[in-house]
Amino acid sequence: MSDVPTRTVFFISDGTGITAETLGHSLLAQFPEARFRQMRVPFVDDIDKAIDCATQIREAAREDGVRPLVFSTLVNPDTVAALRKADALFMDLFERFIGPLEVELGQRSTHAVGRFHGVAESNDYKRRIEAINFALAHDDGVSSNGELEEADVVLVGVSRSGKTPTSLYLAMQFGVKAANYPLIPEDFERNRLPGELHKYRGKLFGLTIAPERLSQIRQERRPNSRYASLDNCRYEIEAAQKLMRRENIRWLDSTTKSIEEISATILQTVRLDRPGY
């Protein structure tokens, strides 16, 4: 690995750059032995910015001693042309997909900069904003009587098992209203679900995690505490899994799963049909 050069990867867009970065990451993940230095360059929406970006690419090539990789979702042909003057492996993600789509659909695309942001006025966008607000308002067991009627799914699991980030990802990416409840030692002593969750058993989905990983995460939050001790983490995980089995709650081990994999499993298991764009 020490002989493998570090190669700079640019994710360039006239918008946020998230689309280029997401697709680029999916492709780069197929090359685990390669070493990358990643740079997202958003809002390259005129020629001057494209020229500045091309300069950055040339500098990276000189520093690395190898050509950079460029993942681009630019749609303006002039900015694309300016960017292509730099020596890099240039992957125009729109060019690769827009052309075949135009042929198949029998019409020209708009080639409009920032067209994606027109979704801000759509029902899908508004649903996502509502879902994000819902997730924030119903995080970590914060909920009044009856409020969970509005939830699409309620995540349960011990503290730091991944409930909050999963709830927010489901909201932001799919417009899913996800609440989450922590399972705590008092629940295990009572041998029952907390609060009003019994009424919403059909919406419940559990997350669990390896005790060693949970202890590591908790040590970062509360070092050398009983809360973070491996023995306590083992006890909580075992008790939580027993409770979920007894209550017939569907659950998933999040230890080696990405947030995308966890969310996809939840969507499939709970039968939530949401668009991902």
Protein backbone atom coordinates (compact mmCIF):
# COMPACT_ATOMS: atom_id res chain seq x y z
CA MET A 1 0.00 0.00 0.00
CA SER A 2 2.88 2.40 0.74
CA ASP A 3 3.89 2.31 -2.94
CA VAL A 4 0.43 3.29 -4.15
CA PRO A 5 0.32 7.02 -4.93
CA THR A 6 -2.40 9.15 -3.41
CA ARG A 7 -4.58 10.49 -6.19
CA THR A 8 -6.75 13.58 -5.79
CA VAL A 9 -10.40 13.16 -6.71
CA PHE A 10 -12.55 16.19 -7.55
CA PHE A 11 -16.35 16.17 -7.32
CA ILE A 12 -17.41 19.23 -9.32
CA SER A 13 -20.90 20.61 -9.79
CA ASP A 14 -22.83 23.77 -10.57
CA GLY A 15 -24.92 22.87 -7.49
CA THR A 16 -24.02 21.33 -4.15
CA GLY A 17 -21.85 18.55 -5.57
CA ILE A 18 -23.65 15.90 -3.55
CA THR A 19 -24.84 13.98 -6.62
CA ALA A 20 -21.33 13.84 -8.12
CA GLU A 21 -19.84 12.86 -4.77
CA THR A 22 -22.39 10.13 -4.08
CA LEU A 23 -22.01 8.52 -7.49
CA GLY A 24 -18.24 8.94 -7.41
CA HIS A 25 -17.98 7.30 -4.00
CA SER A 26 -19.96 4.32 -5.25
CA LEU A 27 -17.47 3.84 -8.10
CA LEU A 28 -14.32 4.45 -6.04
CA ALA A 29 -15.47 1.94 -3.42
CA GLN A 30 -14.75 -0.77 -6.00
CA PHE A 31 -11.02 0.00 -5.67
CA PRO A 32 -10.21 -0.61 -1.99
CA GLU A 33 -6.44 -0.73 -2.52
CA ALA A 34 -6.29 2.71 -4.11
CA ARG A 35 -5.60 5.83 -2.06
CA PHE A 36 -7.61 8.99 -2.67
CA ARG A 37 -7.64 12.58 -1.47
CA GLN A 38 -11.15 13.89 -2.06
CA MET A 39 -12.28 17.42 -2.80
CA ARG A 40 -15.83 18.58 -3.42
CA VAL A 41 -16.06 21.81 -5.46
CA PRO A 42 -19.67 23.08 -5.54
CA PHE A 43 -21.33 25.99 -7.36
CA VAL A 44 -19.02 26.08 -10.39
CA ASP A 45 -21.63 27.99 -12.38
CA ASP A 46 -19.54 30.29 -14.61
CA ILE A 47 -16.40 30.14 -16.75
CA ASP A 48 -14.19 32.00 -14.27
CA LYS A 49 -14.94 29.46 -11.56
CA ALA A 50 -14.31 26.63 -14.01
CA ILE A 51 -10.92 28.13 -14.92
CA ASP A 52 -10.02 28.42 -11.21
CA CYS A 53 -11.07 24.83 -10.74
CA ALA A 54 -8.92 23.70 -13.68
CA THR A 55 -5.96 25.42 -12.00
CA GLN A 56 -6.60 23.45 -8.80
CA ILE A 57 -6.66 20.23 -10.82
CA ARG A 58 -3.29 21.06 -12.46
CA GLU A 59 -1.76 21.84 -9.05
CA ALA A 60 -3.02 18.55 -7.65
CA ALA A 61 -1.50 16.69 -10.60
CA ARG A 62 1.89 18.30 -9.94
CA GLU A 63 1.74 17.52 -6.21
CA ASP A 64 0.55 13.92 -6.60
CA GLY A 65 2.61 13.02 -9.64
CA VAL A 66 -0.46 11.35 -11.18
CA ARG A 67 -3.53 12.59 -13.01
CA PRO A 68 -6.45 13.55 -10.76
CA LEU A 69 -9.88 12.03 -11.21
CA VAL A 70 -12.77 14.39 -11.91
CA PHE A 71 -16.44 13.50 -11.43
CA SER A 72 -18.54 16.30 -12.88
CA THR A 73 -22.24 17.10 -13.04
CA LEU A 74 -21.77 20.41 -14.85
CA VAL A 75 -24.34 21.04 -17.59
CA ASN A 76 -23.07 24.27 -19.17
CA PRO A 77 -20.92 23.26 -22.16
CA ASP A 78 -18.67 26.33 -21.78
CA THR A 79 -17.76 25.52 -18.16
CA VAL A 80 -17.26 21.88 -19.11
CA ALA A 81 -14.91 22.91 -21.94
CA ALA A 82 -12.89 25.14 -19.59
CA LEU A 83 -12.59 22.34 -17.08
CA ARG A 84 -11.50 19.77 -19.66
CA LYS A 85 -8.37 21.82 -20.41
CA ALA A 86 -6.83 20.45 -17.21
CA ASP A 87 -5.02 17.12 -17.46
CA ALA A 88 -7.28 14.70 -15.61
CA LEU A 89 -9.46 11.66 -16.10
CA PHE A 90 -12.69 13.57 -16.67
CA MET A 91 -15.96 11.73 -16.05
CA ASP A 92 -18.91 13.81 -17.14
CA LEU A 93 -21.77 12.07 -15.36
CA PHE A 94 -24.47 14.07 -17.14
CA GLU A 95 -22.95 13.46 -20.57
CA ARG A 96 -22.91 9.71 -19.95
CA PHE A 97 -26.58 9.57 -19.00
CA ILE A 98 -28.37 12.55 -20.56
CA GLY A 99 -27.56 11.52 -24.16
CA PRO A 100 -29.03 8.00 -23.91
CA LEU A 101 -32.06 9.40 -22.07
CA GLU A 102 -32.67 11.97 -24.81
CA VAL A 103 -32.61 9.21 -27.42
CA GLU A 104 -34.90 6.93 -25.43
CA LEU A 105 -37.40 9.66 -24.49
CA GLY A 106 -37.32 11.30 -27.92
CA GLN A 107 -36.77 14.80 -26.57
CA ARG A 108 -33.99 17.18 -25.65
CA SER A 109 -33.13 17.81 -22.03
CA THR A 110 -33.18 21.38 -20.72
CA HIS A 111 -29.41 21.43 -19.99
CA ALA A 112 -30.35 24.05 -17.40
CA VAL A 113 -27.96 24.80 -14.54
CA GLY A 114 -29.40 23.96 -11.13
CA ARG A 115 -32.48 22.32 -12.60
CA PHE A 116 -32.55 19.84 -9.73
CA HIS A 117 -33.32 22.65 -7.31
CA GLY A 118 -36.69 23.15 -8.91
CA VAL A 119 -37.84 20.34 -6.61
CA ALA A 120 -37.87 22.92 -3.83
CA GLU A 121 -41.42 23.75 -4.86
CA SER A 122 -42.54 20.12 -5.13
CA ASN A 123 -44.60 18.10 -2.72
CA ASP A 124 -41.66 15.69 -2.32
CA TYR A 125 -39.42 18.49 -1.09
CA LYS A 126 -42.03 19.80 1.33
CA ARG A 127 -42.59 16.29 2.64
CA ARG A 128 -38.89 15.95 3.36
CA ILE A 129 -38.79 19.22 5.29
CA GLU A 130 -41.78 18.11 7.35
CA ALA A 131 -40.13 14.74 7.96
CA ILE A 132 -36.88 16.37 9.11
CA ASN A 133 -38.78 18.57 11.55
CA PHE A 134 -40.67 15.51 12.77
CA ALA A 135 -37.45 13.52 13.32
CA LEU A 136 -35.88 16.37 15.29
CA ALA A 137 -39.01 16.85 17.39
CA HIS A 138 -39.30 13.13 18.18
CA ASP A 139 -35.66 12.27 18.82
CA ASP A 140 -34.55 10.15 21.77
CA GLY A 141 -38.01 9.43 23.14
CA VAL A 142 -39.34 12.99 23.01
CA SER A 143 -43.02 12.51 22.22
CA SER A 144 -46.41 13.39 23.67
CA ASN A 145 -49.44 11.12 23.72
CA GLY A 146 -50.81 10.47 20.27
CA GLU A 147 -47.97 12.13 18.35
CA LEU A 148 -46.63 8.80 17.10
CA GLU A 149 -49.81 8.31 15.09
CA GLU A 150 -48.13 10.52 12.49
CA ALA A 151 -44.90 8.48 12.42
CA ASP A 152 -44.14 6.19 9.50
CA VAL A 153 -41.67 4.20 11.60
CA VAL A 154 -40.42 4.26 15.19
CA LEU A 155 -36.82 3.11 15.74
CA VAL A 156 -35.93 1.46 19.05
CA GLY A 157 -32.59 0.35 20.44
CA VAL A 158 -30.04 1.09 23.12
CA SER A 159 -28.38 4.48 23.29
CA ARG A 160 -25.83 5.12 20.48
CA SER A 161 -26.94 2.23 18.28
CA GLY A 162 -27.57 4.52 15.28
CA LYS A 163 -31.20 5.55 15.74
CA THR A 164 -30.83 9.33 15.36
CA PRO A 165 -28.66 9.42 12.20
CA THR A 166 -30.89 6.79 10.60
CA SER A 167 -34.03 8.79 11.45
CA LEU A 168 -32.56 11.92 9.89
CA TYR A 169 -31.33 10.08 6.78
CA LEU A 170 -34.78 8.55 6.24
CA ALA A 171 -36.30 12.02 6.57
CA MET A 172 -33.85 13.86 4.33
CA GLN A 173 -33.55 11.24 1.63
CA PHE A 174 -37.04 9.73 1.53
CA GLY A 175 -39.40 12.02 3.42
CA VAL A 176 -40.09 9.30 5.99
CA LYS A 177 -41.34 10.52 9.37
CA ALA A 178 -39.19 8.54 11.79
CA ALA A 179 -39.30 8.84 15.56
CA ASN A 180 -36.86 7.03 17.81
CA TYR A 181 -36.96 5.71 21.36
CA PRO A 182 -33.99 4.59 23.45
CA LEU A 183 -34.22 1.31 25.33
CA ILE A 184 -32.76 1.88 28.80
CA PRO A 185 -32.04 -0.34 31.84
CA GLU A 186 -35.35 0.68 33.45
CA ASP A 187 -37.17 -0.83 30.47
CA PHE A 188 -35.29 -4.09 30.91
CA GLU A 189 -36.07 -4.15 34.65
CA ARG A 190 -39.78 -3.56 33.94
CA ASN A 191 -39.52 -6.14 31.17
CA ARG A 192 -41.68 -4.08 28.84
CA LEU A 193 -41.55 -1.43 26.11
CA PRO A 194 -41.27 2.21 27.21
CA GLY A 195 -44.08 4.75 27.15
CA GLU A 196 -46.87 4.38 24.63
CA LEU A 197 -44.94 2.18 22.21
CA HIS A 198 -47.26 -0.80 22.75
CA LYS A 199 -49.93 0.95 20.69
CA TYR A 200 -47.55 1.33 17.75
CA ARG A 201 -45.92 -2.12 17.69
CA GLY A 202 -46.58 -2.39 13.95
CA LYS A 203 -44.44 0.70 13.33
CA LEU A 204 -41.49 -0.41 15.45
CA PHE A 205 -38.11 -1.36 14.01
CA GLY A 206 -35.13 -2.20 16.19
CA LEU A 207 -31.44 -1.44 15.81
CA THR A 208 -28.78 -3.38 17.66
CA ILE A 209 -24.98 -3.26 17.56
CA ALA A 210 -21.97 -5.31 18.64
CA PRO A 211 -21.10 -4.61 22.32
CA GLU A 212 -17.45 -3.92 21.46
CA ARG A 213 -18.41 -1.30 18.90
CA LEU A 214 -20.99 0.23 21.23
CA SER A 215 -18.43 0.51 24.01
CA GLN A 216 -16.00 2.23 21.63
CA ILE A 217 -18.64 4.77 20.57
CA ARG A 218 -19.73 5.46 24.14
CA GLN A 219 -16.12 5.87 25.34
CA GLU A 220 -15.84 8.84 23.00
CA ARG A 221 -18.89 10.40 24.66
CA ARG A 222 -18.32 9.40 28.32
CA PRO A 223 -14.80 8.00 28.81
CA ASN A 224 -14.25 5.43 31.57
CA SER A 225 -17.91 5.47 32.65
CA ARG A 226 -20.14 2.53 33.52
CA TYR A 227 -22.32 3.67 30.62
CA ALA A 228 -19.42 2.95 28.24
CA SER A 229 -18.03 -0.17 29.93
CA LEU A 230 -17.96 -3.32 27.83
CA ASP A 231 -19.79 -5.34 30.52
CA ASN A 232 -22.65 -2.82 30.63
CA CYS A 233 -22.83 -2.64 26.83
CA ARG A 234 -23.06 -6.44 26.68
CA TYR A 235 -25.83 -6.43 29.28
CA GLU A 236 -27.85 -3.73 27.49
CA ILE A 237 -27.49 -5.31 24.05
CA GLU A 238 -28.49 -8.76 25.30
CA ALA A 239 -31.46 -7.37 27.23
CA ALA A 240 -32.59 -5.22 24.29
CA GLN A 241 -32.46 -8.16 21.89
CA LYS A 242 -34.46 -10.34 24.31
CA LEU A 243 -37.06 -7.58 24.62
CA MET A 244 -37.33 -7.15 20.86
CA ARG A 245 -37.66 -10.92 20.32
CA ARG A 246 -40.36 -11.16 22.96
CA GLU A 247 -42.28 -8.21 21.50
CA ASN A 248 -41.83 -9.58 17.96
CA ILE A 249 -40.05 -6.41 16.80
CA ARG A 250 -38.14 -6.63 13.53
CA TRP A 251 -34.53 -5.58 14.04
CA LEU A 252 -31.16 -5.21 12.34
CA ASP A 253 -27.54 -5.29 13.51
CA SER A 254 -26.04 -1.95 12.48
CA THR A 255 -22.42 -2.79 13.35
CA THR A 256 -21.12 -3.30 9.83
CA LYS A 257 -23.93 -1.62 7.91
CA SER A 258 -23.82 1.81 6.30
CA ILE A 259 -26.65 4.21 7.02
CA GLU A 260 -27.79 3.71 3.42
CA GLU A 261 -28.00 -0.08 3.92
CA ILE A 262 -29.85 0.31 7.22
CA SER A 263 -32.36 2.73 5.69
CA ALA A 264 -32.94 0.54 2.63
CA THR A 265 -33.64 -2.44 4.87
CA ILE A 266 -36.09 -0.44 6.97
CA LEU A 267 -37.91 0.85 3.88
CA GLN A 268 -38.24 -2.67 2.53
CA THR A 269 -39.19 -4.31 5.82
CA VAL A 270 -41.73 -1.72 6.95
CA ARG A 271 -43.06 -1.46 3.38
CA LEU A 272 -42.52 2.28 3.05
CA ASP A 273 -42.70 3.36 -0.59
CA ARG A 274 -40.75 6.60 -0.95
CA PRO A 275 -38.93 8.12 -3.96
CA GLY A 276 -35.20 8.64 -3.52
CA TYR A 277 -34.67 11.87 -5.43
